[in-house]
Amino acid sequence: MTVHQLTADVAAFTGWLSGLAGRLEPGQGWYGVFAARDPEGMRACFDGTDILPWDVAESLLQDLGEPADGPRALHGRALHRAAAAAHDRAPGGAAALAERRALMADEIRYAEQRIRELHGRPDPDGALFWAQDDHVRATARVAELTERLEQLDRLAGAVRAPVPPEPVRRRPRGARYAWVAEESEPVVDPVAEPVTGPVPTAAPLAAPRGARFAPVPADPAPTPGPAPAPAPEPDEAARAVRAAGNAVYALRRLRAQGRTGEAHALLCEALAGPPGWLPALAGELAAAGLAADWATLLWEAADLPPDRLAAVAVALADAGRAEDRDRLLRQGAARPVAELAEACAALRAVRRDAEARALLGAFLGCRTPEDAAALAATDPAALVPELRAAARALSPARERDLLHALRVAGLA
């Protein structure tokens, strides 16, 4: 690829990024946070001499109220991947990625240490929130940098030893990473076409299983012969563990084959399934050494519709994963106030006061008092007392700032 082409790929993404920033208020929201914490780094990314980490771009989209799966985000993600690939192929690209990944791994360890030090202590300035945010972002960046390094390795391998392309295997319209697994073995190919035609009676298939986070598909038409005795239906916990194991197996297979985009899509599709199955997936990912993927999944979950966000938070809390619940709610706290009001209402409807308090506390920790007043205005009777209680739990100064903003808005 020529230098001109490399420059064009990067320029396309920086153009998208500049257009996004042009619609934001300088100094406000996450945009203001990043600009204040690393002005030189942000300037380098806007100039195209470095590539903005995608988690930062996602935060800017949140500032704008853009959905993570909306057309603007999907277009930006495609441009980001192309720009990163072009940037990384420059001389010394692999070494720079490896060095940055090592630095991010150090950042994860430092953030974990800070979290342990701050946990349970008075925290009037919200230092714990920022340590936790640093941990989430560093984890996501390690995953992103690893993917970029793998892409470079594949490119280098292709240059050394070209291989003929595999025949294109078409999937039926509307099929989305669905497969059937045998009871006795893991998933073999998560994007293989479904087998069509009659099934030989000499080799009957096991009943189809839900290999991903979707309802278990209906049994196929039985073959001629005496009907077998019905097997006992697995309970919900067993189905969740089985689906999680299959998903992790498929995820690793896709990554090993270099199909990282499909792996990410498969991972995120877990969010479309039962929220109560997600803790099992978290456990399987951790056991497989894929904790970074769980952090990515929580990051994506923060952009779910408000009622779904609330349901996931409840499921994590009920499974004893309070830390994951809090991380999810902190990341979701940057959403537009109207969506946060819906999430609070959903939690209130199922009497989940602890989750509502955690969400509002995270909101107050990263948003301005004026934002809090705007949120309170969506449902003053319910949210004014809840916000005051959450602010009081953070610090007297936070409560005073909130009360002033409420008085200015005529809500005190």
Protein backbone atom coordinates (compact mmCIF):
# COMPACT_ATOMS: atom_id res chain seq x y z
CA MET A 1 0.00 0.00 0.00
CA THR A 2 1.35 3.42 -0.87
CA VAL A 3 1.97 6.27 1.50
CA HIS A 4 -0.81 8.19 -0.22
CA GLN A 5 -3.27 5.39 0.49
CA LEU A 6 -2.14 5.16 4.08
CA THR A 7 -2.64 8.88 4.51
CA ALA A 8 -6.08 8.70 2.89
CA ASP A 9 -7.27 5.98 5.30
CA VAL A 10 -6.13 7.95 8.33
CA ALA A 11 -7.49 11.20 6.93
CA ALA A 12 -10.91 9.62 6.46
CA PHE A 13 -11.11 8.72 10.13
CA THR A 14 -9.75 12.05 11.38
CA GLY A 15 -12.33 13.77 9.19
CA TRP A 16 -15.09 11.72 10.82
CA LEU A 17 -13.62 12.47 14.25
CA SER A 18 -13.42 16.21 13.59
CA GLY A 19 -17.02 16.23 12.40
CA LEU A 20 -18.08 14.45 15.58
CA ALA A 21 -16.15 16.85 17.81
CA GLY A 22 -17.57 19.83 15.95
CA ARG A 23 -21.03 18.93 17.24
CA LEU A 24 -19.89 18.73 20.87
CA GLU A 25 -19.57 21.45 23.49
CA PRO A 26 -15.87 22.12 24.22
CA GLY A 27 -15.00 21.39 27.82
CA GLN A 28 -18.20 19.42 28.48
CA GLY A 29 -18.82 15.73 29.04
CA TRP A 30 -16.24 13.10 28.19
CA TYR A 31 -14.86 15.35 25.48
CA GLY A 32 -13.89 17.86 28.13
CA VAL A 33 -12.43 15.13 30.35
CA PHE A 34 -10.14 13.73 27.66
CA ALA A 35 -9.09 17.14 26.39
CA ALA A 36 -8.12 18.17 29.92
CA ARG A 37 -6.34 14.94 30.86
CA ASP A 38 -4.31 14.45 27.67
CA PRO A 39 -4.44 17.51 25.40
CA GLU A 40 -1.33 16.53 23.44
CA GLY A 41 -2.58 13.00 22.87
CA MET A 42 -5.96 14.24 21.66
CA ARG A 43 -4.28 16.75 19.36
CA ALA A 44 -2.12 13.97 17.87
CA CYS A 45 -5.23 11.89 17.19
CA PHE A 46 -7.04 14.77 15.51
CA ASP A 47 -3.90 15.49 13.45
CA GLY A 48 -3.69 11.87 12.34
CA THR A 49 -0.24 11.22 13.80
CA ASP A 50 -1.80 8.75 16.24
CA ILE A 51 -5.00 6.69 16.29
CA LEU A 52 -7.62 7.49 18.89
CA PRO A 53 -8.51 4.47 21.08
CA TRP A 54 -11.99 3.37 20.12
CA ASP A 55 -13.26 3.59 23.72
CA VAL A 56 -12.64 7.35 23.55
CA ALA A 57 -14.58 7.61 20.30
CA GLU A 58 -17.44 5.68 21.93
CA SER A 59 -17.47 8.18 24.80
CA LEU A 60 -17.67 11.09 22.36
CA LEU A 61 -20.59 9.37 20.66
CA GLN A 62 -22.24 9.06 24.07
CA ASP A 63 -21.75 12.79 24.63
CA LEU A 64 -23.64 13.34 21.40
CA GLY A 65 -26.38 10.89 22.36
CA GLU A 66 -25.57 8.59 19.44
CA PRO A 67 -26.38 4.87 19.89
CA ALA A 68 -23.44 2.46 19.74
CA ASP A 69 -25.08 0.54 16.92
CA GLY A 70 -26.33 3.58 15.03
CA PRO A 71 -25.18 4.51 11.52
CA ARG A 72 -22.75 7.18 12.72
CA ALA A 73 -21.04 4.78 15.14
CA LEU A 74 -20.88 1.91 12.65
CA HIS A 75 -19.43 4.18 9.97
CA GLY A 76 -16.88 5.55 12.42
CA ARG A 77 -15.91 2.06 13.58
CA ALA A 78 -15.23 0.96 10.00
CA LEU A 79 -13.12 4.07 9.36
CA HIS A 80 -11.28 3.52 12.65
CA ARG A 81 -10.33 -0.04 11.72
CA ALA A 82 -9.06 1.04 8.31
CA ALA A 83 -7.10 3.95 9.79
CA ALA A 84 -5.56 1.75 12.50
CA ALA A 85 -4.52 -0.85 9.92
CA ALA A 86 -2.91 1.80 7.74
CA HIS A 87 -1.16 3.44 10.68
CA ASP A 88 0.13 0.14 12.05
CA ARG A 89 1.64 -0.97 8.75
CA ALA A 90 4.12 1.91 8.84
CA PRO A 91 7.72 0.97 9.76
CA GLY A 92 7.99 0.19 13.47
CA GLY A 93 4.22 -0.20 13.81
CA ALA A 94 4.32 -3.62 15.46
CA ALA A 95 6.94 -2.58 18.00
CA ALA A 96 4.97 0.54 18.88
CA LEU A 97 1.79 -1.49 19.40
CA ALA A 98 3.58 -4.01 21.59
CA GLU A 99 5.12 -1.24 23.69
CA ARG A 100 1.78 0.50 24.11
CA ARG A 101 0.10 -2.76 25.06
CA ALA A 102 2.74 -3.34 27.75
CA LEU A 103 2.09 0.16 29.09
CA MET A 104 -1.66 -0.51 29.19
CA ALA A 105 -1.04 -3.77 31.04
CA ASP A 106 0.92 -1.77 33.62
CA GLU A 107 -1.96 0.69 33.77
CA ILE A 108 -4.36 -2.17 34.55
CA ARG A 109 -2.18 -3.31 37.45
CA TYR A 110 -1.80 0.24 38.76
CA ALA A 111 -5.55 0.87 38.54
CA GLU A 112 -6.25 -2.39 40.38
CA GLN A 113 -3.89 -1.30 43.14
CA ARG A 114 -5.59 2.10 43.37
CA ILE A 115 -9.01 0.48 43.52
CA ARG A 116 -7.91 -1.74 46.41
CA GLU A 117 -6.46 1.27 48.24
CA LEU A 118 -9.55 3.43 47.79
CA HIS A 119 -12.24 0.81 48.34
CA GLY A 120 -14.23 1.47 51.49
CA ARG A 121 -12.56 4.83 52.23
CA PRO A 122 -14.19 8.27 52.19
CA ASP A 123 -13.99 9.52 48.62
CA PRO A 124 -15.22 13.12 48.34
CA ASP A 125 -13.46 13.69 45.00
CA GLY A 126 -14.61 10.50 43.27
CA ALA A 127 -11.09 9.07 42.99
CA LEU A 128 -12.43 5.52 43.11
CA PHE A 129 -14.66 6.16 40.12
CA TRP A 130 -11.75 7.42 38.05
CA ALA A 131 -9.52 4.52 39.09
CA GLN A 132 -12.24 2.12 38.02
CA ASP A 133 -12.73 3.98 34.75
CA ASP A 134 -8.98 3.82 34.10
CA HIS A 135 -9.11 0.07 34.68
CA VAL A 136 -12.00 -0.43 32.27
CA ARG A 137 -10.39 1.67 29.55
CA ALA A 138 -6.94 0.10 29.92
CA THR A 139 -8.50 -3.36 29.69
CA ALA A 140 -10.41 -2.40 26.55
CA ARG A 141 -7.27 -0.93 25.01
CA VAL A 142 -5.23 -4.06 25.68
CA ALA A 143 -7.90 -6.00 23.77
CA GLU A 144 -7.87 -3.46 20.92
CA LEU A 145 -4.07 -3.39 20.69
CA THR A 146 -3.95 -7.19 20.74
CA GLU A 147 -6.39 -7.32 17.85
CA ARG A 148 -4.30 -4.83 15.89
CA LEU A 149 -1.13 -6.85 16.52
CA GLU A 150 -2.88 -10.02 15.38
CA GLN A 151 -3.95 -8.24 12.21
CA LEU A 152 -0.33 -7.27 11.50
CA ASP A 153 0.82 -10.85 12.14
CA ARG A 154 -1.75 -12.19 9.70
CA LEU A 155 -0.68 -9.66 7.09
CA ALA A 156 2.96 -10.62 7.52
CA GLY A 157 2.06 -14.30 7.20
CA ALA A 158 0.10 -13.64 4.04
CA VAL A 159 3.07 -11.83 2.52
CA ARG A 160 5.46 -14.66 3.40
CA ALA A 161 3.25 -17.53 2.27
CA PRO A 162 0.26 -16.69 0.08
CA VAL A 163 -2.57 -19.18 0.28
CA PRO A 164 -5.51 -19.57 -2.08
CA PRO A 165 -8.77 -18.10 -0.78
CA GLU A 166 -11.31 -20.47 0.70
CA PRO A 167 -14.54 -20.94 -1.22
CA VAL A 168 -17.20 -18.49 -0.10
CA ARG A 169 -19.81 -20.16 2.06
CA ARG A 170 -23.08 -18.31 1.94
CA ARG A 171 -25.36 -18.17 4.92
CA PRO A 172 -29.15 -18.02 4.60
CA ARG A 173 -30.58 -14.51 4.64
CA GLY A 174 -31.10 -13.36 8.19
CA ALA A 175 -28.93 -16.06 9.77
CA ARG A 176 -26.74 -14.61 12.51
CA TYR A 177 -24.03 -16.86 13.90
CA ALA A 178 -26.42 -19.67 14.84
CA TRP A 179 -25.32 -23.26 15.03
CA VAL A 180 -26.29 -26.65 16.43
CA ALA A 181 -24.02 -28.51 18.83
CA GLU A 182 -23.82 -32.22 19.62
CA GLU A 183 -24.37 -33.09 23.24
CA SER A 184 -21.02 -34.87 23.48
CA GLU A 185 -18.74 -32.29 21.91
CA PRO A 186 -18.31 -28.51 21.63
CA VAL A 187 -19.34 -26.34 18.74
CA VAL A 188 -17.37 -27.17 15.60
CA ASP A 189 -17.92 -24.21 13.26
CA PRO A 190 -19.99 -21.25 14.43
CA VAL A 191 -20.73 -20.03 10.92
CA ALA A 192 -21.23 -23.35 9.13
CA GLU A 193 -24.34 -23.60 6.97
CA PRO A 194 -27.21 -25.56 8.44
CA VAL A 195 -27.41 -29.13 7.20
CA THR A 196 -30.34 -29.56 4.82
CA GLY A 197 -32.08 -32.65 3.50
CA PRO A 198 -33.15 -35.85 5.29
CA VAL A 199 -31.07 -37.05 8.21
CA PRO A 200 -29.92 -40.68 7.83
CA THR A 201 -31.47 -42.89 10.45
CA ALA A 202 -28.15 -44.68 10.99
CA ALA A 203 -26.61 -41.56 12.50
CA PRO A 204 -29.28 -39.57 14.33
CA LEU A 205 -28.38 -36.14 15.57
CA ALA A 206 -28.77 -35.08 19.16
CA ALA A 207 -31.53 -32.63 19.90
CA PRO A 208 -30.51 -29.08 18.86
CA ARG A 209 -29.09 -26.97 21.63
CA GLY A 210 -28.94 -23.23 22.16
CA ALA A 211 -25.26 -22.71 21.50
CA ARG A 212 -25.46 -18.96 21.97
CA PHE A 213 -27.50 -16.57 24.01
CA ALA A 214 -30.79 -17.21 22.28
CA PRO A 215 -33.77 -19.45 23.07
CA VAL A 216 -33.09 -23.13 22.46
CA PRO A 217 -34.38 -23.93 18.94
CA ALA A 218 -37.26 -26.29 18.42
CA ASP A 219 -36.55 -30.03 17.90
CA PRO A 220 -36.29 -31.14 14.25
CA ALA A 221 -38.89 -33.42 12.70
CA PRO A 222 -38.40 -36.92 14.15
CA THR A 223 -37.12 -39.73 11.97
CA PRO A 224 -39.31 -42.82 11.48
CA GLY A 225 -39.18 -45.32 14.30
CA PRO A 226 -40.17 -45.56 17.92
CA ALA A 227 -40.02 -42.24 19.73
CA PRO A 228 -37.28 -42.11 22.40
CA ALA A 229 -38.14 -41.28 25.96
CA PRO A 230 -38.07 -37.49 26.42
CA ALA A 231 -34.92 -36.20 28.06
CA PRO A 232 -35.37 -34.00 31.12
CA GLU A 233 -35.31 -30.30 30.28
CA PRO A 234 -32.17 -28.68 31.75
CA ASP A 235 -32.79 -25.96 34.28
CA GLU A 236 -32.02 -22.35 33.49
CA ALA A 237 -28.64 -22.37 35.23
CA ALA A 238 -27.50 -25.43 33.31
CA ARG A 239 -28.61 -23.91 30.02
CA ALA A 240 -26.73 -20.72 30.83
CA VAL A 241 -23.50 -22.58 31.62
CA ARG A 242 -23.81 -24.72 28.51
CA ALA A 243 -24.46 -21.71 26.28
CA ALA A 244 -21.54 -19.82 27.86
CA GLY A 245 -19.16 -22.73 27.27
CA ASN A 246 -20.19 -23.03 23.64
CA ALA A 247 -19.91 -19.28 23.10
CA VAL A 248 -16.38 -19.17 24.56
CA TYR A 249 -15.32 -22.13 22.45
CA ALA A 250 -16.66 -20.48 19.30
CA LEU A 251 -15.08 -17.17 20.25
CA ARG A 252 -11.64 -18.75 20.52
CA ARG A 253 -12.09 -20.61 17.24
CA LEU A 254 -13.01 -17.41 15.41
CA ARG A 255 -10.03 -15.57 16.88
CA ALA A 256 -7.69 -18.41 15.95
CA GLN A 257 -8.95 -18.19 12.36
CA GLY A 258 -8.38 -14.44 12.28
CA ARG A 259 -12.11 -13.63 12.13
CA THR A 260 -11.95 -10.98 14.82
CA GLY A 261 -14.90 -8.97 13.54
CA GLU A 262 -17.15 -12.00 13.70
CA ALA A 263 -15.77 -12.81 17.16
CA HIS A 264 -16.71 -9.36 18.39
CA ALA A 265 -20.17 -9.63 16.87
CA LEU A 266 -20.71 -13.03 18.46
CA LEU A 267 -19.58 -11.72 21.84
CA CYS A 268 -21.94 -8.76 21.68
CA GLU A 269 -24.88 -10.90 20.62
CA ALA A 270 -24.87 -12.33 24.13
CA LEU A 271 -26.54 -9.07 25.11
CA ALA A 272 -29.60 -10.02 23.08
CA GLY A 273 -30.20 -13.12 25.17
CA PRO A 274 -31.49 -13.60 28.71
CA PRO A 275 -29.72 -11.17 31.07
CA GLY A 276 -29.58 -13.92 33.70
CA TRP A 277 -27.19 -15.89 31.47
CA LEU A 278 -24.51 -13.19 31.42
CA PRO A 279 -22.91 -14.06 34.80
CA ALA A 280 -22.26 -17.59 33.53
CA LEU A 281 -20.56 -16.10 30.47
CA ALA A 282 -18.44 -13.89 32.71
CA GLY A 283 -17.25 -16.95 34.61
CA GLU A 284 -16.44 -18.90 31.45
CA LEU A 285 -14.55 -15.98 29.93
CA ALA A 286 -12.50 -15.53 33.10
CA ALA A 287 -11.69 -19.25 33.26
CA ALA A 288 -10.53 -19.13 29.63
CA GLY A 289 -8.25 -16.14 30.26
CA LEU A 290 -10.54 -13.80 28.33
CA ALA A 291 -11.26 -11.22 31.02
CA ALA A 292 -10.66 -8.45 28.49
CA ASP A 293 -13.61 -9.75 26.47
CA TRP A 294 -15.86 -9.51 29.51
CA ALA A 295 -14.75 -5.90 29.99
CA THR A 296 -15.60 -5.26 26.33
CA LEU A 297 -19.00 -6.87 26.79
CA LEU A 298 -19.77 -4.66 29.80
CA TRP A 299 -18.72 -1.63 27.76
CA GLU A 300 -21.14 -2.61 25.01
CA ALA A 301 -23.87 -3.34 27.57
CA ALA A 302 -23.68 0.25 28.79
CA ASP A 303 -25.29 1.27 25.47
CA LEU A 304 -28.26 -1.08 25.76
CA PRO A 305 -31.78 0.38 25.85
CA PRO A 306 -32.55 1.71 29.35
CA ASP A 307 -34.83 -1.14 30.42
CA ARG A 308 -32.32 -3.69 29.17
CA LEU A 309 -29.47 -1.92 30.94
CA ALA A 310 -31.48 -2.11 34.16
CA ALA A 311 -32.19 -5.82 33.64
CA VAL A 312 -28.50 -6.63 33.13
CA ALA A 313 -27.54 -4.66 36.24
CA VAL A 314 -30.11 -6.62 38.27
CA ALA A 315 -28.88 -9.95 36.88
CA LEU A 316 -25.27 -9.15 37.79
CA ALA A 317 -26.25 -8.09 41.31
CA ASP A 318 -28.35 -11.21 41.85
CA ALA A 319 -25.39 -13.36 40.78
CA GLY A 320 -23.13 -11.73 43.38
CA ARG A 321 -21.22 -9.68 40.81
CA ALA A 322 -21.73 -6.29 42.44
CA GLU A 323 -18.42 -4.97 41.11
CA ASP A 324 -19.46 -5.75 37.54
CA ARG A 325 -22.86 -4.18 38.20
CA ASP A 326 -21.23 -0.99 39.43
CA ARG A 327 -18.84 -0.88 36.48
CA LEU A 328 -21.74 -1.28 34.07
CA LEU A 329 -23.71 1.52 35.72
CA ARG A 330 -20.69 3.84 35.82
CA GLN A 331 -20.21 3.40 32.10
CA GLY A 332 -23.92 3.90 31.47
CA ALA A 333 -23.96 7.10 33.50
CA ALA A 334 -22.65 9.12 30.53
CA ARG A 335 -25.87 8.56 28.56
CA PRO A 336 -28.43 11.31 27.85
CA VAL A 337 -30.50 12.24 30.89
CA ALA A 338 -33.76 11.08 29.32
CA GLU A 339 -32.36 7.56 28.95
CA LEU A 340 -31.02 7.59 32.49
CA ALA A 341 -34.45 8.62 33.76
CA GLU A 342 -35.92 5.60 31.95
CA ALA A 343 -33.32 3.30 33.48
CA CYS A 344 -34.07 4.63 36.97
CA ALA A 345 -37.79 4.13 36.39
CA ALA A 346 -37.18 0.55 35.26
CA LEU A 347 -35.16 -0.18 38.40
CA ARG A 348 -37.75 1.49 40.58
CA ALA A 349 -40.51 -0.60 39.00
CA VAL A 350 -38.86 -3.81 40.20
CA ARG A 351 -37.92 -2.35 43.59
CA ARG A 352 -34.16 -2.36 42.95
CA ASP A 353 -33.24 0.61 45.10
CA ALA A 354 -29.58 -0.43 45.45
CA GLU A 355 -29.07 -0.43 41.68
CA ALA A 356 -30.90 2.88 41.30
CA ARG A 357 -28.68 4.44 43.97
CA ALA A 358 -25.55 3.04 42.29
CA LEU A 359 -26.61 4.46 38.93
CA LEU A 360 -27.37 7.90 40.35
CA GLY A 361 -24.15 7.92 42.36
CA ALA A 362 -22.16 7.14 39.22
CA PHE A 363 -24.08 9.84 37.37
CA LEU A 364 -23.30 12.46 40.01
CA GLY A 365 -19.66 11.39 40.01
CA CYS A 366 -19.09 12.13 36.32
CA ARG A 367 -21.71 14.74 35.37
CA THR A 368 -22.26 18.36 36.29
CA PRO A 369 -24.82 19.57 38.85
CA GLU A 370 -26.70 21.17 35.95
CA ASP A 371 -26.96 17.74 34.30
CA ALA A 372 -28.33 16.40 37.58
CA ALA A 373 -30.97 19.14 37.66
CA ALA A 374 -31.95 18.27 34.08
CA LEU A 375 -32.32 14.65 35.10
CA ALA A 376 -34.41 15.59 38.13
CA ALA A 377 -36.71 17.65 35.91
CA THR A 378 -37.80 14.52 34.01
CA ASP A 379 -39.55 13.17 37.15
CA PRO A 380 -39.13 15.57 40.08
CA ALA A 381 -41.28 13.64 42.56
CA ALA A 382 -39.14 10.53 42.28
CA LEU A 383 -35.73 11.78 41.22
CA VAL A 384 -35.21 14.88 43.38
CA PRO A 385 -35.15 12.89 46.66
CA GLU A 386 -33.20 10.05 45.06
CA LEU A 387 -30.56 12.41 43.68
CA ARG A 388 -30.27 14.23 46.99
CA ALA A 389 -29.73 10.95 48.82
CA ALA A 390 -27.12 9.84 46.29
CA ALA A 391 -25.30 13.18 46.50
CA ARG A 392 -25.37 13.07 50.30
CA ALA A 393 -23.75 9.63 50.20
CA LEU A 394 -20.92 10.99 48.05
CA SER A 395 -19.99 14.12 50.00
CA PRO A 396 -21.47 17.25 51.62
CA ALA A 397 -19.93 19.36 48.85
CA ARG A 398 -21.64 17.28 46.17
CA GLU A 399 -24.98 17.69 47.93
CA ARG A 400 -24.53 21.48 48.22
CA ASP A 401 -23.74 21.76 44.50
CA LEU A 402 -26.78 19.67 43.64
CA LEU A 403 -29.10 21.71 45.86
CA HIS A 404 -27.90 24.92 44.25
CA ALA A 405 -28.53 23.54 40.77
CA LEU A 406 -31.97 22.33 41.82
CA ARG A 407 -32.86 25.78 43.23
CA VAL A 408 -31.72 27.48 40.04
CA ALA A 409 -33.91 25.08 38.07
CA GLY A 410 -36.86 25.74 40.39
CA LEU A 411 -36.88 22.16 41.70
CA ALA A 412 -35.63 22.58 45.27
